[in-house]
PDB file of N, CA and C in Angstrom:
ATOM      1  N   VAL A   1     103.104 101.857  82.103  1.00  0.00           N
ATOM      2  CA  VAL A   1     101.960 101.547  83.026  1.00  0.00           C
ATOM      3  C   VAL A   1     101.716 100.073  83.069  1.00  0.00           C
ATOM      4  N   ASN A   2     101.835  99.407  81.950  1.00  0.00           N
ATOM      5  CA  ASN A   2     101.562  97.937  81.858  1.00  0.00           C
ATOM      6  C   ASN A   2     102.607  97.265  82.723  1.00  0.00           C
ATOM      7  N   ASN A   3     103.730  97.678  82.678  1.00  0.00           N
ATOM      8  CA  ASN A   3     104.867  97.065  83.404  1.00  0.00           C
ATOM      9  C   ASN A   3     104.645  97.180  84.917  1.00  0.00           C
ATOM     10  N   ASN A   4     104.236  98.438  85.265  1.00  0.00           N
ATOM     11  CA  ASN A   4     103.948  98.688  86.710  1.00  0.00           C
ATOM     12  C   ASN A   4     102.798  97.833  87.211  1.00  0.00           C
ATOM     13  N   LEU A   5     101.831  97.704  86.396  1.00  0.00           N
ATOM     14  CA  LEU A   5     100.707  96.847  86.703  1.00  0.00           C
ATOM     15  C   LEU A   5     101.109  95.362  86.969  1.00  0.00           C
ATOM     16  N   ARG A   6     102.048  94.854  86.090  1.00  0.00           N
ATOM     17  CA  ARG A   6     102.467  93.540  86.254  1.00  0.00           C
ATOM     18  C   ARG A   6     103.270  93.413  87.522  1.00  0.00           C
ATOM     19  N   CYS A   7     104.104  94.365  87.845  1.00  0.00           N
ATOM     20  CA  CYS A   7     104.797  94.354  89.102  1.00  0.00           C
ATOM     21  C   CYS A   7     103.874  94.279  90.278  1.00  0.00           C
ATOM     22  N   TYR A   8     102.856  95.055  90.209  1.00  0.00           N
ATOM     23  CA  TYR A   8     101.800  95.187  91.330  1.00  0.00           C
ATOM     24  C   TYR A   8     101.206  93.803  91.461  1.00  0.00           C
ATOM     25  N   ASP A   9     100.847  93.151  90.320  1.00  0.00           N
ATOM     26  CA  ASP A   9     100.224  91.858  90.326  1.00  0.00           C
ATOM     27  C   ASP A   9     101.125  90.816  91.044  1.00  0.00           C
ATOM     28  N   LEU A  10     102.428  90.891  90.603  1.00  0.00           N
ATOM     29  CA  LEU A  10     103.468  89.913  91.163  1.00  0.00           C
ATOM     30  C   LEU A  10     103.579  90.197  92.723  1.00  0.00           C
ATOM     31  N   ALA A  11     103.561  91.385  93.129  1.00  0.00           N
ATOM     32  CA  ALA A  11     103.756  91.749  94.519  1.00  0.00           C
ATOM     33  C   ALA A  11     102.521  91.219  95.342  1.00  0.00           C
ATOM     34  N   MET A  12     101.404  91.433  94.749  1.00  0.00           N
ATOM     35  CA  MET A  12     100.153  90.900  95.470  1.00  0.00           C
ATOM     36  C   MET A  12     100.216  89.425  95.510  1.00  0.00           C
ATOM     37  N   GLU A  13     100.585  88.705  94.467  1.00  0.00           N
ATOM     38  CA  GLU A  13     100.671  87.246  94.515  1.00  0.00           C
ATOM     39  C   GLU A  13     101.650  86.801  95.559  1.00  0.00           C
ATOM     40  N   LEU A  14     102.850  87.478  95.562  1.00  0.00           N
ATOM     41  CA  LEU A  14     103.889  87.091  96.536  1.00  0.00           C
ATOM     42  C   LEU A  14     103.402  87.307  97.952  1.00  0.00           C
ATOM     43  N   SER A  15     102.885  88.471  98.259  1.00  0.00           N
ATOM     44  CA  SER A  15     102.424  88.788  99.620  1.00  0.00           C
ATOM     45  C   SER A  15     101.326  87.830 100.012  1.00  0.00           C
ATOM     46  N   SER A  16     100.378  87.404  99.163  1.00  0.00           N
ATOM     47  CA  SER A  16      99.334  86.545  99.568  1.00  0.00           C
ATOM     48  C   SER A  16      99.812  85.173  99.834  1.00  0.00           C
ATOM     49  N   SER A  17     100.831  84.740  99.049  1.00  0.00           N
ATOM     50  CA  SER A  17     101.509  83.384  99.282  1.00  0.00           C
ATOM     51  C   SER A  17     102.149  83.392 100.586  1.00  0.00           C
ATOM     52  N   ILE A  18     102.845  84.496 100.920  1.00  0.00           N
ATOM     53  CA  ILE A  18     103.545  84.619 102.191  1.00  0.00           C
ATOM     54  C   ILE A  18     102.605  84.559 103.387  1.00  0.00           C
ATOM     55  N   ILE A  19     101.465  85.346 103.233  1.00  0.00           N
ATOM     56  CA  ILE A  19     100.481  85.287 104.285  1.00  0.00           C
ATOM     57  C   ILE A  19      99.867  83.931 104.517  1.00  0.00           C
ATOM     58  N   GLU A  20      99.731  83.102 103.432  1.00  0.00           N
ATOM     59  CA  GLU A  20      99.213  81.760 103.474  1.00  0.00           C
ATOM     60  C   GLU A  20     100.291  80.842 104.245  1.00  0.00           C
ATOM     61  N   ALA A  21     101.579  81.155 103.965  1.00  0.00           N
ATOM     62  CA  ALA A  21     102.545  80.311 104.471  1.00  0.00           C
ATOM     63  C   ALA A  21     102.835  80.522 105.932  1.00  0.00           C
ATOM     64  N   LEU A  22     102.561  81.709 106.453  1.00  0.00           N
ATOM     65  CA  LEU A  22     102.912  82.057 107.835  1.00  0.00           C
ATOM     66  C   LEU A  22     102.136  81.136 108.826  1.00  0.00           C
ATOM     67  N   PRO A  23     100.845  80.951 108.807  1.00  0.00           N
ATOM     68  CA  PRO A  23     100.293  80.027 109.811  1.00  0.00           C
ATOM     69  C   PRO A  23     100.902  78.653 109.755  1.00  0.00           C
ATOM     70  N   ARG A  24     101.306  78.093 108.680  1.00  0.00           N
ATOM     71  CA  ARG A  24     102.029  76.777 108.629  1.00  0.00           C
ATOM     72  C   ARG A  24     103.303  76.909 109.445  1.00  0.00           C
ATOM     73  N   ASN A  25     104.101  77.961 109.266  1.00  0.00           N
ATOM     74  CA  ASN A  25     105.363  78.133 109.975  1.00  0.00           C
ATOM     75  C   ASN A  25     105.149  78.185 111.442  1.00  0.00           C
ATOM     76  N   TYR A  26     104.096  78.860 111.861  1.00  0.00           N
ATOM     77  CA  TYR A  26     103.714  78.928 113.349  1.00  0.00           C
ATOM     78  C   TYR A  26     103.297  77.646 113.841  1.00  0.00           C
ATOM     79  N   ALA A  27     102.676  76.882 113.109  1.00  0.00           N
ATOM     80  CA  ALA A  27     102.146  75.577 113.528  1.00  0.00           C
ATOM     81  C   ALA A  27     103.234  74.598 113.646  1.00  0.00           C
ATOM     82  N   GLU A  28     104.299  74.681 112.830  1.00  0.00           N
ATOM     83  CA  GLU A  28     105.422  73.683 112.945  1.00  0.00           C
ATOM     84  C   GLU A  28     106.344  73.960 114.186  1.00  0.00           C
ATOM     85  N   GLN A  29     106.347  75.185 114.634  1.00  0.00           N
ATOM     86  CA  GLN A  29     107.168  75.583 115.739  1.00  0.00           C
ATOM     87  C   GLN A  29     106.689  74.955 117.063  1.00  0.00           C
TER      88      GLN A  29
END
């Protein structure tokens, strides 16, 4: 369970950083 929780935390961090990066990519185009 602890391992799954860590994977979930990493996935949430990754998706939130991707969401933050998207507007920058659109602005550069």
